[in-house]
Amino acid sequence: MKIILLMTLFLFNITFTMENYLIKYNPKLDKTTAKYIVYNVMENSRKYDINPYLVLAVMQTESSFNHNTVSHAGAKGLMQLMPFNFREFNVDNTIAGNIRGGVLHLKRDFERTKNIRDTLICYNAGCGRLKNNAWLNIKETRDYIVKVDKFYKKIMEYRKNRNPNFENTLKISKTDNTKIESGNKTVKAEIEEEESKIKKGWRNNNTISYIKRDLKTVEKRENEEDF
């Protein structure tokens, strides 16, 4: 089967928001959280040169945009990272951390394979399944490729035919920042928790610097016209 997904290795200048697409397929999402998810997808996709719509298609396949999803195998969050993935990519299971880890996972797999289909196989079943086409014997992985492809097409169709009313740029106000849920904790609560851990010597400054950087970037973009 020919996979039409494209891994576009350049920076994106996206002037519309996809939060309404997320809410359409996960009605339990509030608009602020949906915006925050899209914001993190776009920022990490730019930083690590990954197609953000591929990331969204993988996310929809993995969790249906539900950050509280936990698989029977122990995979967690929007991008369904395994415990060893959190350690490998040095991320936590906040919304921002989970998305960053998922993007890094896709980037690593694409750099290994240089092929979208094989990247998806690695993400779902591990790159070892590429040997001798062992993945063909795994129905879940065969179905996974088809699902990601289907959702990617839906996302691109939505982007093409989006309602003009959905053309609001991605803005998150300072008030909204206090409402954004990230693993049932607000962003400010995350910062306070990390500061406490640093004082106790449990954590270095890396995690909190990521959180504060993201928060400052969100505030900086509050009055920007384009995302």
C-alpha atoms as a PDB file:
ATOM      1  CA  MET A   1       0.000   0.000   0.000  1.00  0.00           C
ATOM      2  CA  LYS A   2       1.309   3.385  -0.926  1.00  0.00           C
ATOM      3  CA  ILE A   3       1.531   5.744   2.001  1.00  0.00           C
ATOM      4  CA  ILE A   4       0.894   9.365   1.054  1.00  0.00           C
ATOM      5  CA  LEU A   5       2.214  10.847   4.273  1.00  0.00           C
ATOM      6  CA  LEU A   6       5.027  13.338   3.733  1.00  0.00           C
ATOM      7  CA  MET A   7       7.857  14.028   6.159  1.00  0.00           C
ATOM      8  CA  THR A   8       8.522  17.687   5.373  1.00  0.00           C
ATOM      9  CA  LEU A   9      11.902  18.806   6.700  1.00  0.00           C
ATOM     10  CA  PHE A  10      11.484  22.574   6.797  1.00  0.00           C
ATOM     11  CA  LEU A  11      10.031  25.166   9.167  1.00  0.00           C
ATOM     12  CA  PHE A  12       6.307  25.808   9.035  1.00  0.00           C
ATOM     13  CA  ASN A  13       4.568  29.170   9.076  1.00  0.00           C
ATOM     14  CA  ILE A  14       1.034  28.088   9.939  1.00  0.00           C
ATOM     15  CA  THR A  15      -1.578  30.824  10.157  1.00  0.00           C
ATOM     16  CA  PHE A  16      -4.573  28.834  11.297  1.00  0.00           C
ATOM     17  CA  THR A  17      -5.485  26.641  14.204  1.00  0.00           C
ATOM     18  CA  MET A  18      -6.479  22.995  14.348  1.00  0.00           C
ATOM     19  CA  GLU A  19      -8.039  23.006  17.797  1.00  0.00           C
ATOM     20  CA  ASN A  20     -11.548  22.601  16.363  1.00  0.00           C
ATOM     21  CA  TYR A  21     -10.454  19.435  14.572  1.00  0.00           C
ATOM     22  CA  LEU A  22      -9.242  17.991  17.878  1.00  0.00           C
ATOM     23  CA  ILE A  23     -12.498  18.903  19.610  1.00  0.00           C
ATOM     24  CA  LYS A  24     -14.502  17.374  16.760  1.00  0.00           C
ATOM     25  CA  TYR A  25     -12.902  13.980  17.399  1.00  0.00           C
ATOM     26  CA  ASN A  26     -12.643  14.368  21.171  1.00  0.00           C
ATOM     27  CA  PRO A  27     -15.650  16.435  22.330  1.00  0.00           C
ATOM     28  CA  LYS A  28     -14.459  16.202  25.945  1.00  0.00           C
ATOM     29  CA  LEU A  29     -11.548  18.525  25.142  1.00  0.00           C
ATOM     30  CA  ASP A  30     -12.023  22.135  26.180  1.00  0.00           C
ATOM     31  CA  LYS A  31     -10.877  24.776  23.714  1.00  0.00           C
ATOM     32  CA  THR A  32      -7.978  25.983  25.842  1.00  0.00           C
ATOM     33  CA  THR A  33      -6.473  22.506  26.197  1.00  0.00           C
ATOM     34  CA  ALA A  34      -6.995  21.844  22.479  1.00  0.00           C
ATOM     35  CA  LYS A  35      -5.133  25.070  21.676  1.00  0.00           C
ATOM     36  CA  TYR A  36      -2.328  24.087  24.026  1.00  0.00           C
ATOM     37  CA  ILE A  37      -1.991  20.680  22.365  1.00  0.00           C
ATOM     38  CA  VAL A  38      -1.835  22.235  18.891  1.00  0.00           C
ATOM     39  CA  TYR A  39       0.627  24.852  20.120  1.00  0.00           C
ATOM     40  CA  ASN A  40       3.008  22.179  21.420  1.00  0.00           C
ATOM     41  CA  VAL A  41       2.675  20.085  18.263  1.00  0.00           C
ATOM     42  CA  MET A  42       3.523  23.058  16.058  1.00  0.00           C
ATOM     43  CA  GLU A  43       6.393  24.309  18.216  1.00  0.00           C
ATOM     44  CA  ASN A  44       8.062  20.902  18.511  1.00  0.00           C
ATOM     45  CA  SER A  45       7.479  20.121  14.840  1.00  0.00           C
ATOM     46  CA  ARG A  46       9.240  23.335  13.894  1.00  0.00           C
ATOM     47  CA  LYS A  47      12.086  22.707  16.283  1.00  0.00           C
ATOM     48  CA  TYR A  48      12.721  19.122  15.209  1.00  0.00           C
ATOM     49  CA  ASP A  49      11.754  19.416  11.521  1.00  0.00           C
ATOM     50  CA  ILE A  50       8.775  17.080  11.536  1.00  0.00           C
ATOM     51  CA  ASN A  51       5.505  17.419   9.620  1.00  0.00           C
ATOM     52  CA  PRO A  52       3.023  18.603  12.308  1.00  0.00           C
ATOM     53  CA  TYR A  53       0.091  16.993  10.505  1.00  0.00           C
ATOM     54  CA  LEU A  54       1.846  13.649  10.655  1.00  0.00           C
ATOM     55  CA  VAL A  55       2.279  14.188  14.401  1.00  0.00           C
ATOM     56  CA  LEU A  56      -1.438  14.972  14.750  1.00  0.00           C
ATOM     57  CA  ALA A  57      -2.366  11.888  12.703  1.00  0.00           C
ATOM     58  CA  VAL A  58      -0.191   9.683  14.912  1.00  0.00           C
ATOM     59  CA  MET A  59      -1.663  11.332  18.014  1.00  0.00           C
ATOM     60  CA  GLN A  60      -5.217  10.726  16.829  1.00  0.00           C
ATOM     61  CA  THR A  61      -4.402   7.084  16.112  1.00  0.00           C
ATOM     62  CA  GLU A  62      -2.656   6.607  19.443  1.00  0.00           C
ATOM     63  CA  SER A  63      -5.013   8.362  21.851  1.00  0.00           C
ATOM     64  CA  SER A  64      -7.872  10.104  20.019  1.00  0.00           C
ATOM     65  CA  PHE A  65      -6.450  13.322  21.515  1.00  0.00           C
ATOM     66  CA  ASN A  66      -7.063  12.072  25.073  1.00  0.00           C
ATOM     67  CA  HIS A  67      -4.042  12.730  27.284  1.00  0.00           C
ATOM     68  CA  ASN A  68      -5.385  10.413  30.009  1.00  0.00           C
ATOM     69  CA  THR A  69      -5.162   7.359  27.745  1.00  0.00           C
ATOM     70  CA  VAL A  70      -3.175   4.445  29.186  1.00  0.00           C
ATOM     71  CA  SER A  71      -2.746   1.269  27.128  1.00  0.00           C
ATOM     72  CA  HIS A  72      -2.750  -2.292  28.433  1.00  0.00           C
ATOM     73  CA  ALA A  73       1.014  -2.301  27.796  1.00  0.00           C
ATOM     74  CA  GLY A  74       1.541   0.808  29.927  1.00  0.00           C
ATOM     75  CA  ALA A  75       1.893   3.420  27.169  1.00  0.00           C
ATOM     76  CA  LYS A  76       0.718   6.837  28.341  1.00  0.00           C
ATOM     77  CA  GLY A  77      -0.544  10.149  27.099  1.00  0.00           C
ATOM     78  CA  LEU A  78      -1.362  11.759  23.789  1.00  0.00           C
ATOM     79  CA  MET A  79       1.523  10.093  21.953  1.00  0.00           C
ATOM     80  CA  GLN A  80       1.346   6.842  23.976  1.00  0.00           C
ATOM     81  CA  LEU A  81       4.928   6.800  25.200  1.00  0.00           C
ATOM     82  CA  MET A  82       6.264   3.782  27.052  1.00  0.00           C
ATOM     83  CA  PRO A  83       8.155   4.200  30.354  1.00  0.00           C
ATOM     84  CA  PHE A  84      11.496   3.681  28.596  1.00  0.00           C
ATOM     85  CA  ASN A  85      10.570   6.406  26.073  1.00  0.00           C
ATOM     86  CA  PHE A  86      10.212   8.938  28.887  1.00  0.00           C
ATOM     87  CA  ARG A  87      13.720   8.046  30.050  1.00  0.00           C
ATOM     88  CA  GLU A  88      15.191   7.940  26.548  1.00  0.00           C
ATOM     89  CA  PHE A  89      13.908  11.369  25.552  1.00  0.00           C
ATOM     90  CA  ASN A  90      14.169  12.912  29.035  1.00  0.00           C
ATOM     91  CA  VAL A  91      10.538  14.043  29.130  1.00  0.00           C
ATOM     92  CA  ASP A  92       7.679  13.745  31.599  1.00  0.00           C
ATOM     93  CA  ASN A  93       4.026  12.901  31.028  1.00  0.00           C
ATOM     94  CA  THR A  94       2.696  16.428  30.962  1.00  0.00           C
ATOM     95  CA  ILE A  95       0.991  17.455  27.742  1.00  0.00           C
ATOM     96  CA  ALA A  96       4.081  19.378  26.642  1.00  0.00           C
ATOM     97  CA  GLY A  97       6.489  16.632  27.681  1.00  0.00           C
ATOM     98  CA  ASN A  98       4.495  13.838  26.074  1.00  0.00           C
ATOM     99  CA  ILE A  99       4.241  15.676  22.760  1.00  0.00           C
ATOM    100  CA  ARG A 100       7.943  16.547  22.785  1.00  0.00           C
ATOM    101  CA  GLY A 101       8.773  12.900  23.435  1.00  0.00           C
ATOM    102  CA  GLY A 102       6.493  11.723  20.636  1.00  0.00           C
ATOM    103  CA  VAL A 103       8.020  14.151  18.153  1.00  0.00           C
ATOM    104  CA  LEU A 104      11.536  13.091  19.151  1.00  0.00           C
ATOM    105  CA  HIS A 105      10.468   9.454  18.766  1.00  0.00           C
ATOM    106  CA  LEU A 106       9.206  10.088  15.217  1.00  0.00           C
ATOM    107  CA  LYS A 107      12.307  12.081  14.316  1.00  0.00           C
ATOM    108  CA  ARG A 108      14.623   9.342  15.583  1.00  0.00           C
ATOM    109  CA  ASP A 109      12.731   6.664  13.664  1.00  0.00           C
ATOM    110  CA  PHE A 110      12.628   8.705  10.463  1.00  0.00           C
ATOM    111  CA  GLU A 111      16.349   9.405  10.648  1.00  0.00           C
ATOM    112  CA  ARG A 112      16.906   5.662  10.931  1.00  0.00           C
ATOM    113  CA  THR A 113      14.597   4.639   8.103  1.00  0.00           C
ATOM    114  CA  LYS A 114      14.213   7.670   5.781  1.00  0.00           C
ATOM    115  CA  ASN A 115      10.773   6.270   5.031  1.00  0.00           C
ATOM    116  CA  ILE A 116       7.355   7.213   6.422  1.00  0.00           C
ATOM    117  CA  ARG A 117       5.905   3.716   6.377  1.00  0.00           C
ATOM    118  CA  ASP A 118       8.928   2.301   8.178  1.00  0.00           C
ATOM    119  CA  THR A 119       8.865   5.219  10.626  1.00  0.00           C
ATOM    120  CA  LEU A 120       5.316   4.273  11.589  1.00  0.00           C
ATOM    121  CA  ILE A 121       6.284   0.614  11.924  1.00  0.00           C
ATOM    122  CA  CYS A 122       9.125   1.591  14.264  1.00  0.00           C
ATOM    123  CA  TYR A 123       6.820   3.813  16.309  1.00  0.00           C
ATOM    124  CA  ASN A 124       4.193   1.115  16.693  1.00  0.00           C
ATOM    125  CA  ALA A 125       6.153  -2.127  16.877  1.00  0.00           C
ATOM    126  CA  GLY A 126       9.835  -1.246  17.141  1.00  0.00           C
ATOM    127  CA  CYS A 127      12.419  -1.029  14.371  1.00  0.00           C
ATOM    128  CA  GLY A 128      13.396  -4.653  14.966  1.00  0.00           C
ATOM    129  CA  ARG A 129      10.148  -5.643  13.241  1.00  0.00           C
ATOM    130  CA  LEU A 130      11.500  -4.266   9.965  1.00  0.00           C
ATOM    131  CA  LYS A 131      13.919  -7.172   9.691  1.00  0.00           C
ATOM    132  CA  ASN A 132      12.621  -9.765   7.253  1.00  0.00           C
ATOM    133  CA  ASN A 133       9.356  -7.774   7.138  1.00  0.00           C
ATOM    134  CA  ALA A 134       8.317  -9.315  10.447  1.00  0.00           C
ATOM    135  CA  TRP A 135       5.794  -6.492  10.902  1.00  0.00           C
ATOM    136  CA  LEU A 136       3.633  -8.031   8.175  1.00  0.00           C
ATOM    137  CA  ASN A 137       2.722 -10.770  10.645  1.00  0.00           C
ATOM    138  CA  ILE A 138       1.376  -8.218  13.143  1.00  0.00           C
ATOM    139  CA  LYS A 139      -2.202  -7.209  12.363  1.00  0.00           C
ATOM    140  CA  GLU A 140      -2.092  -4.299  14.814  1.00  0.00           C
ATOM    141  CA  THR A 141       0.844  -2.762  12.958  1.00  0.00           C
ATOM    142  CA  ARG A 142      -0.707  -3.304   9.530  1.00  0.00           C
ATOM    143  CA  ASP A 143      -3.898  -1.644  10.770  1.00  0.00           C
ATOM    144  CA  TYR A 144      -1.879   1.117  12.434  1.00  0.00           C
ATOM    145  CA  ILE A 145      -0.342   2.246   9.138  1.00  0.00           C
ATOM    146  CA  VAL A 146      -3.774   2.345   7.508  1.00  0.00           C
ATOM    147  CA  LYS A 147      -5.268   4.347  10.402  1.00  0.00           C
ATOM    148  CA  VAL A 148      -2.516   6.958  10.436  1.00  0.00           C
ATOM    149  CA  ASP A 149      -2.853   7.340   6.676  1.00  0.00           C
ATOM    150  CA  LYS A 150      -6.641   7.735   7.009  1.00  0.00           C
ATOM    151  CA  PHE A 151      -6.373  10.373   9.728  1.00  0.00           C
ATOM    152  CA  TYR A 152      -3.652  12.231   7.845  1.00  0.00           C
ATOM    153  CA  LYS A 153      -5.970  12.505   4.849  1.00  0.00           C
ATOM    154  CA  LYS A 154      -8.788  13.750   7.089  1.00  0.00           C
ATOM    155  CA  ILE A 155      -6.532  16.357   8.671  1.00  0.00           C
ATOM    156  CA  MET A 156      -5.321  17.631   5.305  1.00  0.00           C
ATOM    157  CA  GLU A 157      -8.885  17.716   3.977  1.00  0.00           C
ATOM    158  CA  TYR A 158      -9.966  19.668   7.048  1.00  0.00           C
ATOM    159  CA  ARG A 159      -7.113  22.077   6.525  1.00  0.00           C
ATOM    160  CA  LYS A 160      -8.103  22.537   2.884  1.00  0.00           C
ATOM    161  CA  ASN A 161     -11.818  23.029   3.516  1.00  0.00           C
ATOM    162  CA  ARG A 162     -11.729  24.625   6.940  1.00  0.00           C
ATOM    163  CA  ASN A 163     -14.500  27.023   7.892  1.00  0.00           C
ATOM    164  CA  PRO A 164     -13.358  30.678   7.767  1.00  0.00           C
ATOM    165  CA  ASN A 165     -14.649  30.992  11.329  1.00  0.00           C
ATOM    166  CA  PHE A 166     -11.910  28.578  12.371  1.00  0.00           C
ATOM    167  CA  GLU A 167      -9.171  30.858  11.031  1.00  0.00           C
ATOM    168  CA  ASN A 168      -8.436  32.363  14.441  1.00  0.00           C
ATOM    169  CA  THR A 169      -4.738  32.305  15.117  1.00  0.00           C
ATOM    170  CA  LEU A 170      -3.452  30.246  18.004  1.00  0.00           C
ATOM    171  CA  LYS A 171      -3.533  32.575  20.981  1.00  0.00           C
ATOM    172  CA  ILE A 172      -3.463  31.631  24.624  1.00  0.00           C
ATOM    173  CA  SER A 173      -4.103  34.446  27.054  1.00  0.00           C
ATOM    174  CA  LYS A 174      -2.401  34.843  30.414  1.00  0.00           C
ATOM    175  CA  THR A 175      -5.712  33.920  32.035  1.00  0.00           C
ATOM    176  CA  ASP A 176      -5.929  30.771  29.920  1.00  0.00           C
ATOM    177  CA  ASN A 177      -2.444  29.753  31.041  1.00  0.00           C
ATOM    178  CA  THR A 178      -3.759  29.167  34.551  1.00  0.00           C
ATOM    179  CA  LYS A 179      -6.485  26.899  33.176  1.00  0.00           C
ATOM    180  CA  ILE A 180      -4.417  24.648  30.930  1.00  0.00           C
ATOM    181  CA  GLU A 181      -4.523  21.129  32.262  1.00  0.00           C
ATOM    182  CA  SER A 182      -1.357  19.102  31.968  1.00  0.00           C
ATOM    183  CA  GLY A 183      -1.700  15.751  33.673  1.00  0.00           C
ATOM    184  CA  ASN A 184      -4.435  17.240  35.924  1.00  0.00           C
ATOM    185  CA  LYS A 185      -2.074  20.042  36.981  1.00  0.00           C
ATOM    186  CA  THR A 186      -1.959  23.609  35.740  1.00  0.00           C
ATOM    187  CA  VAL A 187       1.184  24.929  34.111  1.00  0.00           C
ATOM    188  CA  LYS A 188       1.855  27.155  37.114  1.00  0.00           C
ATOM    189  CA  ALA A 189       1.378  24.203  39.433  1.00  0.00           C
ATOM    190  CA  GLU A 190       3.938  22.272  37.377  1.00  0.00           C
ATOM    191  CA  ILE A 191       6.463  25.070  37.831  1.00  0.00           C
ATOM    192  CA  GLU A 192       5.862  25.223  41.578  1.00  0.00           C
ATOM    193  CA  GLU A 193       6.228  21.448  41.853  1.00  0.00           C
ATOM    194  CA  GLU A 194       9.462  21.425  39.857  1.00  0.00           C
ATOM    195  CA  GLU A 195      10.882  24.287  41.939  1.00  0.00           C
ATOM    196  CA  SER A 196      10.127  22.287  45.067  1.00  0.00           C
ATOM    197  CA  LYS A 197      11.888  19.218  43.651  1.00  0.00           C
ATOM    198  CA  ILE A 198      14.928  21.288  42.687  1.00  0.00           C
ATOM    199  CA  LYS A 199      15.194  22.704  46.208  1.00  0.00           C
ATOM    200  CA  LYS A 200      15.064  19.172  47.604  1.00  0.00           C
ATOM    201  CA  GLY A 201      17.716  18.023  45.150  1.00  0.00           C
ATOM    202  CA  TRP A 202      15.375  15.621  43.340  1.00  0.00           C
ATOM    203  CA  ARG A 203      15.512  17.330  39.976  1.00  0.00           C
ATOM    204  CA  ASN A 204      17.900  19.516  37.997  1.00  0.00           C
ATOM    205  CA  ASN A 205      16.886  22.763  36.318  1.00  0.00           C
ATOM    206  CA  ASN A 206      16.294  21.274  32.856  1.00  0.00           C
ATOM    207  CA  THR A 207      12.624  20.374  33.276  1.00  0.00           C
ATOM    208  CA  ILE A 208      11.577  23.650  34.832  1.00  0.00           C
ATOM    209  CA  SER A 209      13.479  25.620  32.203  1.00  0.00           C
ATOM    210  CA  TYR A 210      11.462  23.838  29.508  1.00  0.00           C
ATOM    211  CA  ILE A 211       8.181  24.646  31.276  1.00  0.00           C
ATOM    212  CA  LYS A 212       9.063  28.298  31.868  1.00  0.00           C
ATOM    213  CA  ARG A 213      10.316  28.691  28.315  1.00  0.00           C
ATOM    214  CA  ASP A 214       7.054  27.296  26.937  1.00  0.00           C
ATOM    215  CA  LEU A 215       4.993  29.514  29.218  1.00  0.00           C
ATOM    216  CA  LYS A 216       6.925  32.636  28.182  1.00  0.00           C
ATOM    217  CA  THR A 217       6.566  31.730  24.515  1.00  0.00           C
ATOM    218  CA  VAL A 218       2.807  31.321  24.896  1.00  0.00           C
ATOM    219  CA  GLU A 219       2.538  34.737  26.549  1.00  0.00           C
ATOM    220  CA  LYS A 220       4.750  36.307  23.884  1.00  0.00           C
ATOM    221  CA  ARG A 221       2.456  35.001  21.153  1.00  0.00           C
ATOM    222  CA  GLU A 222      -0.671  36.295  22.841  1.00  0.00           C
ATOM    223  CA  ASN A 223      -0.881  39.424  20.678  1.00  0.00           C
ATOM    224  CA  GLU A 224       0.666  38.046  17.504  1.00  0.00           C
ATOM    225  CA  GLU A 225      -1.468  37.919  14.388  1.00  0.00           C
ATOM    226  CA  ASP A 226      -0.005  34.698  13.000  1.00  0.00           C
ATOM    227  CA  PHE A 227       0.964  31.480  14.669  1.00  0.00           C
END
